[in-house]
Protein backbone atom coordinates (compact mmCIF):
# COMPACT_ATOMS: atom_id res chain seq x y z
CA MET A 1 19.21 -26.32 -24.47
CA THR A 2 17.61 -26.27 -21.06
CA LYS A 3 18.52 -23.07 -19.05
CA ARG A 4 19.76 -23.61 -15.70
CA LEU A 5 17.66 -22.60 -12.84
CA THR A 6 18.65 -20.20 -10.09
CA CYS A 7 15.58 -20.16 -8.10
CA ASP A 8 12.16 -21.09 -8.43
CA VAL A 9 10.64 -17.41 -8.52
CA VAL A 10 12.52 -14.42 -8.68
CA VAL A 11 10.61 -11.06 -7.32
CA VAL A 12 11.20 -7.92 -8.94
CA GLY A 13 10.65 -4.48 -6.17
CA ALA A 14 12.07 -4.72 -2.56
CA GLY A 15 9.69 -2.84 -1.35
CA MET A 16 6.98 -4.10 1.31
CA VAL A 17 4.63 -5.71 -1.33
CA GLY A 18 7.69 -7.64 -2.73
CA ALA A 19 9.08 -8.58 0.66
CA ALA A 20 5.50 -10.53 1.71
CA CYS A 21 5.78 -11.89 -1.72
CA ALA A 22 9.66 -12.98 -0.80
CA LEU A 23 8.24 -14.13 2.44
CA TYR A 24 4.77 -16.27 1.57
CA ALA A 25 6.84 -17.76 -1.28
CA ALA A 26 9.58 -18.99 0.89
CA ARG A 27 7.05 -20.00 3.08
CA ALA A 28 5.37 -22.33 0.65
CA GLY A 29 8.98 -23.98 -0.01
CA LEU A 30 10.23 -22.25 -3.08
CA GLY A 31 13.55 -20.67 -3.24
CA VAL A 32 13.35 -16.92 -3.90
CA ARG A 33 15.54 -14.49 -5.13
CA LEU A 34 14.79 -10.85 -4.50
CA VAL A 35 16.08 -7.75 -6.87
CA ASP A 36 15.88 -4.07 -7.13
CA ARG A 37 17.89 -1.13 -8.78
CA GLY A 38 17.71 0.65 -4.89
CA PRO A 39 17.98 -0.62 -1.69
CA VAL A 40 15.36 -2.26 0.10
CA SER A 41 12.24 0.08 0.87
CA GLY A 42 14.08 2.69 -1.80
CA GLY A 43 10.68 3.81 -3.59
CA THR A 44 6.74 3.95 -2.25
CA THR A 45 7.71 1.82 1.17
CA GLY A 46 9.88 3.97 2.09
CA ALA A 47 7.95 7.67 1.46
CA GLY A 48 4.68 6.14 3.48
CA GLU A 49 2.91 6.21 6.65
CA GLY A 50 2.49 2.66 6.93
CA ASN A 51 -1.21 2.27 7.32
CA LEU A 52 -2.97 -0.69 7.60
CA LEU A 53 -6.49 0.29 6.95
CA VAL A 54 -9.86 -1.16 6.23
CA SER A 55 -11.97 1.85 7.40
CA ASP A 56 -11.23 3.52 4.38
CA LYS A 57 -12.73 0.68 2.04
CA GLU A 58 -16.19 0.02 0.57
CA PRO A 59 -17.14 -3.28 0.56
CA GLY A 60 -15.83 -5.38 -2.55
CA PRO A 61 -12.49 -6.86 -3.18
CA GLU A 62 -10.03 -4.40 -1.73
CA LEU A 63 -11.67 -4.77 1.38
CA ARG A 64 -12.02 -8.49 1.70
CA LEU A 65 -8.27 -8.65 1.15
CA ALA A 66 -8.01 -5.37 4.29
CA LEU A 67 -9.69 -7.77 6.37
CA SER A 68 -7.45 -10.60 5.41
CA SER A 69 -4.27 -8.65 5.60
CA ALA A 70 -4.71 -7.39 9.02
CA ARG A 71 -5.06 -10.99 9.91
CA LEU A 72 -2.15 -11.49 8.45
CA TRP A 73 -0.37 -7.86 10.02
CA ALA A 74 -1.69 -9.05 13.48
CA GLU A 75 -0.27 -12.53 13.47
CA LEU A 76 3.33 -10.55 11.46
CA ALA A 77 3.26 -8.94 15.07
CA ARG A 78 3.38 -11.59 16.78
CA GLU A 79 6.22 -12.52 15.58
CA HIS A 80 8.24 -9.54 14.86
CA GLY A 81 5.75 -6.73 16.21
CA ALA A 82 8.22 -4.62 18.47
CA ALA A 83 10.59 -4.41 16.00
CA PHE A 84 8.79 -2.74 13.13
CA GLU A 85 7.06 -0.45 15.63
CA TYR A 86 3.37 -2.09 14.91
CA GLU A 87 0.45 -0.64 16.60
CA PRO A 88 -2.82 -1.88 16.34
CA LYS A 89 -4.41 1.71 17.75
CA GLY A 90 -7.58 2.10 15.79
CA GLY A 91 -8.63 4.70 13.45
CA LEU A 92 -11.46 7.52 13.79
CA VAL A 93 -13.33 8.71 11.19
CA VAL A 94 -14.69 12.37 12.05
CA ALA A 95 -17.68 14.24 10.11
CA PRO A 96 -17.82 17.94 10.80
CA THR A 97 -22.06 18.56 9.88
CA PRO A 98 -25.14 16.45 10.75
CA ASP A 99 -25.14 15.88 6.71
CA ALA A 100 -21.74 14.42 6.49
CA LEU A 101 -21.84 11.85 9.61
CA ALA A 102 -25.38 10.59 8.34
CA ALA A 103 -23.35 9.23 4.47
CA LEU A 104 -20.61 8.19 7.13
CA ARG A 105 -22.48 6.49 9.12
CA GLU A 106 -24.22 4.72 6.15
CA PHE A 107 -21.12 3.71 4.57
CA ALA A 108 -20.12 2.15 8.02
CA ALA A 109 -23.28 0.18 7.63
CA GLY A 110 -22.36 -1.26 4.73
CA GLN A 111 -18.70 -1.83 5.97
CA ARG A 112 -20.01 -3.74 9.08
CA GLY A 113 -22.30 -5.75 6.98
CA ALA A 114 -18.79 -6.68 5.20
CA GLY A 115 -17.13 -8.09 8.52
CA VAL A 116 -15.61 -4.87 9.87
CA THR A 117 -16.16 -3.06 13.24
CA ALA A 118 -17.33 0.55 13.05
CA VAL A 119 -18.47 1.76 16.03
CA PRO A 120 -20.50 5.12 15.99
CA VAL A 121 -19.83 7.85 18.37
CA ASP A 122 -21.23 10.81 18.67
CA ALA A 123 -19.37 14.39 19.05
CA ARG A 124 -18.87 13.59 23.39
CA GLN A 125 -17.54 10.30 22.67
CA LEU A 126 -15.14 11.92 20.01
CA THR A 127 -13.90 13.92 22.69
CA GLU A 128 -13.06 10.78 24.88
CA LEU A 129 -11.41 8.63 22.37
CA GLU A 130 -9.28 12.50 21.49
CA PRO A 131 -9.35 15.02 24.06
CA HIS A 132 -7.07 17.59 21.46
CA LEU A 133 -9.58 17.20 18.59
CA ALA A 134 -11.18 20.72 17.51
CA PRO A 135 -14.48 21.20 18.92
CA GLY A 136 -17.93 21.14 17.06
CA MET A 137 -17.42 17.98 15.31
CA ALA A 138 -20.90 16.51 14.79
CA GLY A 139 -19.74 12.78 15.88
CA GLY A 140 -17.94 10.22 14.00
CA VAL A 141 -16.86 6.12 13.59
CA HIS A 142 -14.17 4.53 15.55
CA TYR A 143 -12.57 1.60 13.61
CA PRO A 144 -10.25 -0.75 16.20
CA GLN A 145 -9.29 -3.00 13.35
CA ASP A 146 -6.70 0.01 11.86
CA ALA A 147 -3.38 0.06 12.56
CA GLN A 148 -0.05 1.24 11.95
CA VAL A 149 3.88 -0.12 11.28
CA MET A 150 6.78 1.63 10.34
CA PRO A 151 7.02 0.76 7.12
CA ALA A 152 11.05 0.87 6.13
CA LEU A 153 11.18 -1.22 9.32
CA ALA A 154 8.50 -3.45 8.55
CA ALA A 155 10.00 -4.45 5.10
CA ALA A 156 13.21 -5.07 6.03
CA HIS A 157 12.43 -7.47 8.51
CA LEU A 158 9.90 -9.42 6.09
CA VAL A 159 12.58 -9.64 4.05
CA ARG A 160 15.00 -10.88 6.47
CA ALA A 161 12.45 -13.01 7.47
CA SER A 162 11.93 -15.12 4.32
CA GLY A 163 15.65 -16.24 4.14
CA ALA A 164 15.48 -14.72 -0.09
CA ALA A 165 18.60 -14.11 -1.65
CA LEU A 166 18.57 -10.06 -2.09
CA HIS A 167 20.11 -8.25 -4.62
CA THR A 168 19.79 -4.89 -4.16
CA GLY A 169 21.60 -2.27 -6.96
CA ARG A 170 20.92 -4.38 -9.78
CA THR A 171 18.36 -2.62 -12.32
CA VAL A 172 15.84 -5.57 -14.04
CA THR A 173 16.74 -4.60 -17.94
CA GLY A 174 14.39 -7.05 -19.65
CA VAL A 175 12.13 -10.38 -18.80
CA LEU A 176 13.48 -13.44 -20.35
CA ARG A 177 10.95 -15.30 -22.65
CA THR A 178 11.05 -18.33 -24.72
CA PRO A 179 9.77 -18.14 -28.28
CA HIS A 180 6.80 -19.60 -27.04
CA GLY A 181 6.41 -16.33 -24.75
CA THR A 182 7.13 -18.42 -21.39
CA VAL A 183 8.74 -16.54 -18.88
CA TYR A 184 11.90 -17.96 -17.55
CA GLY A 185 13.98 -15.22 -15.65
CA VAL A 186 15.24 -11.82 -15.75
CA ARG A 187 17.80 -9.88 -17.28
CA THR A 188 19.55 -7.33 -15.10
CA ASP A 189 22.35 -4.69 -15.42
CA ARG A 190 24.94 -7.37 -13.66
CA GLY A 191 23.74 -10.70 -15.50
CA ASP A 192 20.51 -13.10 -16.04
CA ILE A 193 18.51 -14.97 -13.37
CA HIS A 194 16.98 -18.01 -14.11
CA ALA A 195 13.54 -19.04 -12.64
CA PRO A 196 10.29 -20.47 -13.84
CA ALA A 197 8.10 -17.39 -12.32
CA VAL A 198 9.03 -13.76 -12.21
CA VAL A 199 6.63 -11.50 -10.04
CA ASN A 200 6.70 -7.83 -10.76
CA ALA A 201 6.25 -5.93 -7.13
CA ALA A 202 8.10 -2.85 -8.76
CA GLY A 203 4.87 -0.29 -7.24
CA THR A 204 4.69 2.43 -8.90
CA TRP A 205 7.67 0.98 -11.43
CA GLY A 206 5.32 -1.81 -12.39
CA GLY A 207 4.04 -0.72 -16.02
CA GLU A 208 7.64 -0.74 -16.88
CA VAL A 209 8.36 -3.87 -15.55
CA ALA A 210 5.33 -5.13 -17.13
CA ALA A 211 6.56 -3.70 -20.73
CA LEU A 212 9.97 -5.69 -20.28
CA ALA A 213 7.56 -8.54 -20.71
CA GLY A 214 5.52 -7.16 -23.47
CA VAL A 215 2.47 -6.72 -21.31
CA ARG A 216 1.01 -3.65 -20.84
CA LEU A 217 -0.09 -2.69 -17.32
CA PRO A 218 -1.29 1.45 -16.80
CA VAL A 219 0.47 2.21 -13.43
CA LEU A 220 0.76 5.75 -12.72
CA PRO A 221 2.23 7.46 -10.02
CA ARG A 222 -0.19 9.50 -8.14
CA ARG A 223 2.05 11.54 -6.17
CA GLY A 224 1.76 12.82 -1.91
CA PHE A 225 3.13 15.25 0.51
CA VAL A 226 3.42 14.42 4.29
CA LEU A 227 4.54 16.55 6.75
CA VAL A 228 6.46 15.64 9.99
CA THR A 229 6.21 17.57 13.30
CA GLU A 230 8.69 17.77 16.14
CA PRO A 231 8.30 14.83 18.47
CA LEU A 232 5.63 15.02 20.65
CA PRO A 233 3.81 13.26 23.68
CA ARG A 234 1.37 10.95 22.52
CA LEU A 235 -1.69 13.71 21.87
CA VAL A 236 -2.93 11.96 18.96
CA ARG A 237 -3.74 8.69 19.90
CA HIS A 238 -5.85 7.60 16.82
CA LYS A 239 -5.17 7.85 13.32
CA VAL A 240 -7.68 10.10 12.71
CA TYR A 241 -8.73 11.69 9.38
CA ALA A 242 -11.72 13.34 7.97
CA ALA A 243 -14.66 11.99 6.11
CA ASP A 244 -14.03 13.46 2.80
CA TYR A 245 -10.75 11.27 2.80
CA VAL A 246 -12.52 8.26 1.40
CA ALA A 247 -14.01 10.55 -1.62
CA ASP A 248 -10.13 11.51 -2.63
CA VAL A 249 -8.78 7.98 -2.47
CA ALA A 250 -11.57 7.15 -5.36
CA SER A 251 -11.24 10.36 -6.82
CA ASP A 252 -9.61 9.75 -10.64
CA SER A 253 -9.08 13.11 -10.80
CA ALA A 254 -5.30 14.14 -11.97
CA ALA A 255 -5.53 17.88 -9.95
CA LEU A 256 -4.48 18.24 -6.48
CA ARG A 257 -6.94 16.59 -3.81
CA GLY A 258 -6.51 16.84 -0.15
CA SER A 259 -8.43 16.18 3.16
CA PRO A 260 -6.41 16.25 6.35
CA VAL A 261 -5.18 12.72 8.21
CA VAL A 262 -3.27 12.47 11.14
CA GLU A 263 -1.49 10.15 13.40
CA GLY A 264 0.98 9.89 15.95
CA THR A 265 4.11 7.72 15.92
CA ALA A 266 5.54 6.08 18.54
CA ALA A 267 8.66 7.63 17.82
CA GLY A 268 6.82 10.98 18.49
CA PRO A 269 6.72 12.70 15.36
CA VAL A 270 3.02 13.53 14.38
CA LEU A 271 2.67 12.84 10.22
CA ILE A 272 0.41 14.98 8.70
CA GLY A 273 -1.18 14.18 5.06
CA ALA A 274 -2.74 13.00 2.74
CA THR A 275 -2.47 14.70 -0.56
CA ARG A 276 -3.07 13.56 -4.33
CA GLU A 277 -2.67 14.46 -7.83
CA ARG A 278 -0.75 13.00 -10.88
CA VAL A 279 2.00 15.01 -11.82
CA GLY A 280 4.37 11.96 -13.06
CA PHE A 281 7.56 11.67 -11.12
CA ASP A 282 8.32 14.98 -10.45
CA ARG A 283 9.33 15.74 -7.19
CA SER A 284 9.15 19.42 -6.19
CA LEU A 285 7.97 21.00 -3.75
CA SER A 286 4.40 22.10 -4.37
CA LEU A 287 3.55 24.98 -1.25
CA PRO A 288 -0.20 24.96 -2.59
CA ALA A 289 -0.40 20.86 -1.05
CA VAL A 290 2.30 21.42 1.85
CA ARG A 291 0.32 24.39 3.24
CA ALA A 292 -3.36 22.40 2.13
CA LEU A 293 -1.47 19.47 4.59
CA ALA A 294 -1.08 21.96 7.85
CA ALA A 295 -4.51 24.05 6.85
CA GLY A 296 -6.30 21.02 7.51
CA ALA A 297 -4.57 19.14 10.29
CA VAL A 298 -4.80 22.19 12.44
CA GLY A 299 -8.67 22.17 11.43
CA LEU A 300 -8.55 18.50 13.14
CA PHE A 301 -6.19 19.64 16.11
CA PRO A 302 -6.20 23.22 17.07
CA PHE A 303 -3.05 22.61 19.45
CA LEU A 304 -0.98 22.24 16.31
CA ARG A 305 -0.57 25.29 15.16
CA ARG A 306 2.09 25.79 17.78
CA VAL A 307 4.21 22.69 16.81
CA ARG A 308 6.67 22.86 14.31
CA ALA A 309 7.30 20.74 11.29
CA LEU A 310 10.58 19.44 10.65
CA ARG A 311 10.23 17.90 6.91
CA THR A 312 7.99 17.51 4.44
CA TYR A 313 8.69 14.74 1.58
CA ALA A 314 6.99 13.47 -1.60
CA GLY A 315 6.29 9.48 -2.38
CA PHE A 316 4.28 8.25 -5.59
CA ARG A 317 1.57 5.85 -4.86
CA PRO A 318 0.90 3.14 -8.07
CA TYR A 319 -2.24 4.06 -9.40
CA LEU A 320 -4.75 2.06 -11.95
CA PRO A 321 -7.50 3.40 -13.44
CA ASP A 322 -9.92 1.22 -11.40
CA HIS A 323 -8.21 1.73 -7.90
CA LEU A 324 -7.78 -2.11 -7.27
CA PRO A 325 -4.20 -3.86 -7.71
CA ALA A 326 -3.22 -5.92 -10.41
CA ILE A 327 -2.51 -9.45 -8.53
CA GLY A 328 -1.56 -12.95 -9.88
CA PRO A 329 -0.49 -14.56 -13.30
CA ASP A 330 -0.59 -12.59 -16.49
CA PRO A 331 -2.03 -15.36 -19.14
CA ARG A 332 -0.31 -13.41 -21.56
CA ALA A 333 3.12 -13.83 -20.40
CA PRO A 334 3.11 -17.58 -18.82
CA GLY A 335 5.33 -17.51 -15.77
CA LEU A 336 5.04 -13.83 -15.14
CA PHE A 337 2.79 -12.63 -11.85
CA HIS A 338 1.64 -9.32 -10.48
CA ALA A 339 1.13 -7.63 -7.45
CA CYS A 340 1.41 -4.36 -8.17
CA GLY A 341 -0.77 -1.07 -8.36
CA HIS A 342 -1.89 -1.27 -4.66
CA GLU A 343 -2.08 2.70 -4.77
CA GLY A 344 -2.02 3.89 -1.11
CA ALA A 345 -2.67 0.92 0.59
CA GLY A 346 0.39 -1.13 -0.43
CA ILE A 347 1.48 -1.27 3.39
CA GLY A 348 -1.81 -2.48 4.48
CA LEU A 349 -2.24 -5.13 1.77
CA ALA A 350 0.84 -6.60 1.56
CA PRO A 351 0.54 -9.44 3.46
CA GLY A 352 -2.34 -10.49 1.69
CA THR A 353 -1.31 -9.82 -1.71
CA GLY A 354 2.17 -12.15 -0.95
CA GLN A 355 -0.27 -14.99 0.72
CA LEU A 356 -2.58 -14.47 -2.88
CA ILE A 357 0.79 -14.74 -5.31
CA ALA A 358 2.09 -17.65 -3.10
CA ARG A 359 -0.65 -19.70 -3.41
CA ALA A 360 -0.92 -18.63 -7.16
CA LEU A 361 2.65 -19.90 -7.52
CA THR A 362 2.01 -23.26 -5.70
CA GLY A 363 -1.30 -23.81 -7.67
CA GLU A 364 -3.56 -23.48 -4.82
CA ALA A 365 -5.09 -19.95 -5.09
CA SER A 366 -8.68 -20.33 -6.59
CA GLY A 367 -10.46 -18.19 -9.38
CA PRO A 368 -12.59 -16.07 -7.61
CA ASP A 369 -9.69 -15.43 -5.26
CA LEU A 370 -7.96 -13.38 -7.60
CA ALA A 371 -10.68 -12.41 -10.36
CA PRO A 372 -11.52 -8.81 -9.21
CA PHE A 373 -7.41 -7.91 -9.76
CA ARG A 374 -6.82 -10.25 -13.22
CA PRO A 375 -3.72 -7.96 -14.66
CA GLU A 376 -5.10 -8.52 -18.20
CA ARG A 377 -8.25 -6.62 -17.44
CA PHE A 378 -6.85 -3.67 -18.72
CA ASP A 379 -5.96 -4.95 -21.76
CA THR A 380 -8.99 -4.26 -24.50
CA GLU A 381 -7.05 -6.27 -27.05
CA GLY A 382 -6.56 -8.76 -24.52
CA GLY A 383 -3.24 -10.18 -26.40
CA ASP A 384 0.74 -9.56 -26.76
CA VAL A 385 1.72 -6.11 -27.31
CA ARG A 386 5.07 -7.23 -28.06
């Protein structure tokens, strides 16, 4: 019996990536329903700092996606920028020693070859860019393409701009498949939604949604803490982080890792990150992690020693073993598309991801665009796991 379709595509997950998928699918002329068991930005997006970075990515597919997304964020900012606090403030990566500076400049040279604007700066220029930076740094690299948004606001505005039918407080309990395996919608705790395409944009829970469709996607949570200070005048002008942050991002270790990342916000508080550890979904406060954040931040900006931290919070980055997201159609479940596993880069990579998904949904995406992000690349048996 032919089933009545209620839309063209169901997007599961109303965080930033899901919002971007909904926006670009709608702009491609598709009817979209966006489903989440919680509110918009209720997961990883709501715990993010809103980083839009090219500076922390080595040449390769993720950097290409980041550069594409940066251009799309600039376009979105012209439409909505003031509404979600888009700040093209640039990033500054600092090196404390000559050896660290040499390694950083070699890394930046490779990025420049891939299209990144990466400007070497010496110790004197560092203080011109950031007058309150700790003295004694060897130098750094300035990345004017780095930017920031307020992530919860940005996701909410993208959802609104998409015109998608929004269903919050509705838990997806199954992915509907025909006897031949083709996806035709989702089952929720409040009824079925029929569609010929389902986009898994469930972030840290993307592996669980994939499993509902009978396929494997090894997304794991990687916990991170953020410290939030009292509101301050704009004393930190850029996103500033130590050169070893890039190594922490690329690490496969489950143990606690941390390197200082400090940035001001339009509202006044300074945000301090970044820690990484795989501890499941444990939200309990880690004093070693928070102390490491505070010490690292003071090491970069000594004035912070006199500033009160008002709160700390934890979030979970959706980690995949090769540090690349899963984007595109899943051949193991025709009609299922994935847009998850971006780890800490989901805010920045969201528009490019949404555009790739929209092109895949309409048959426009090319193989080379999606090949590095193939969802089935982790399935050694290459088949359905139902």
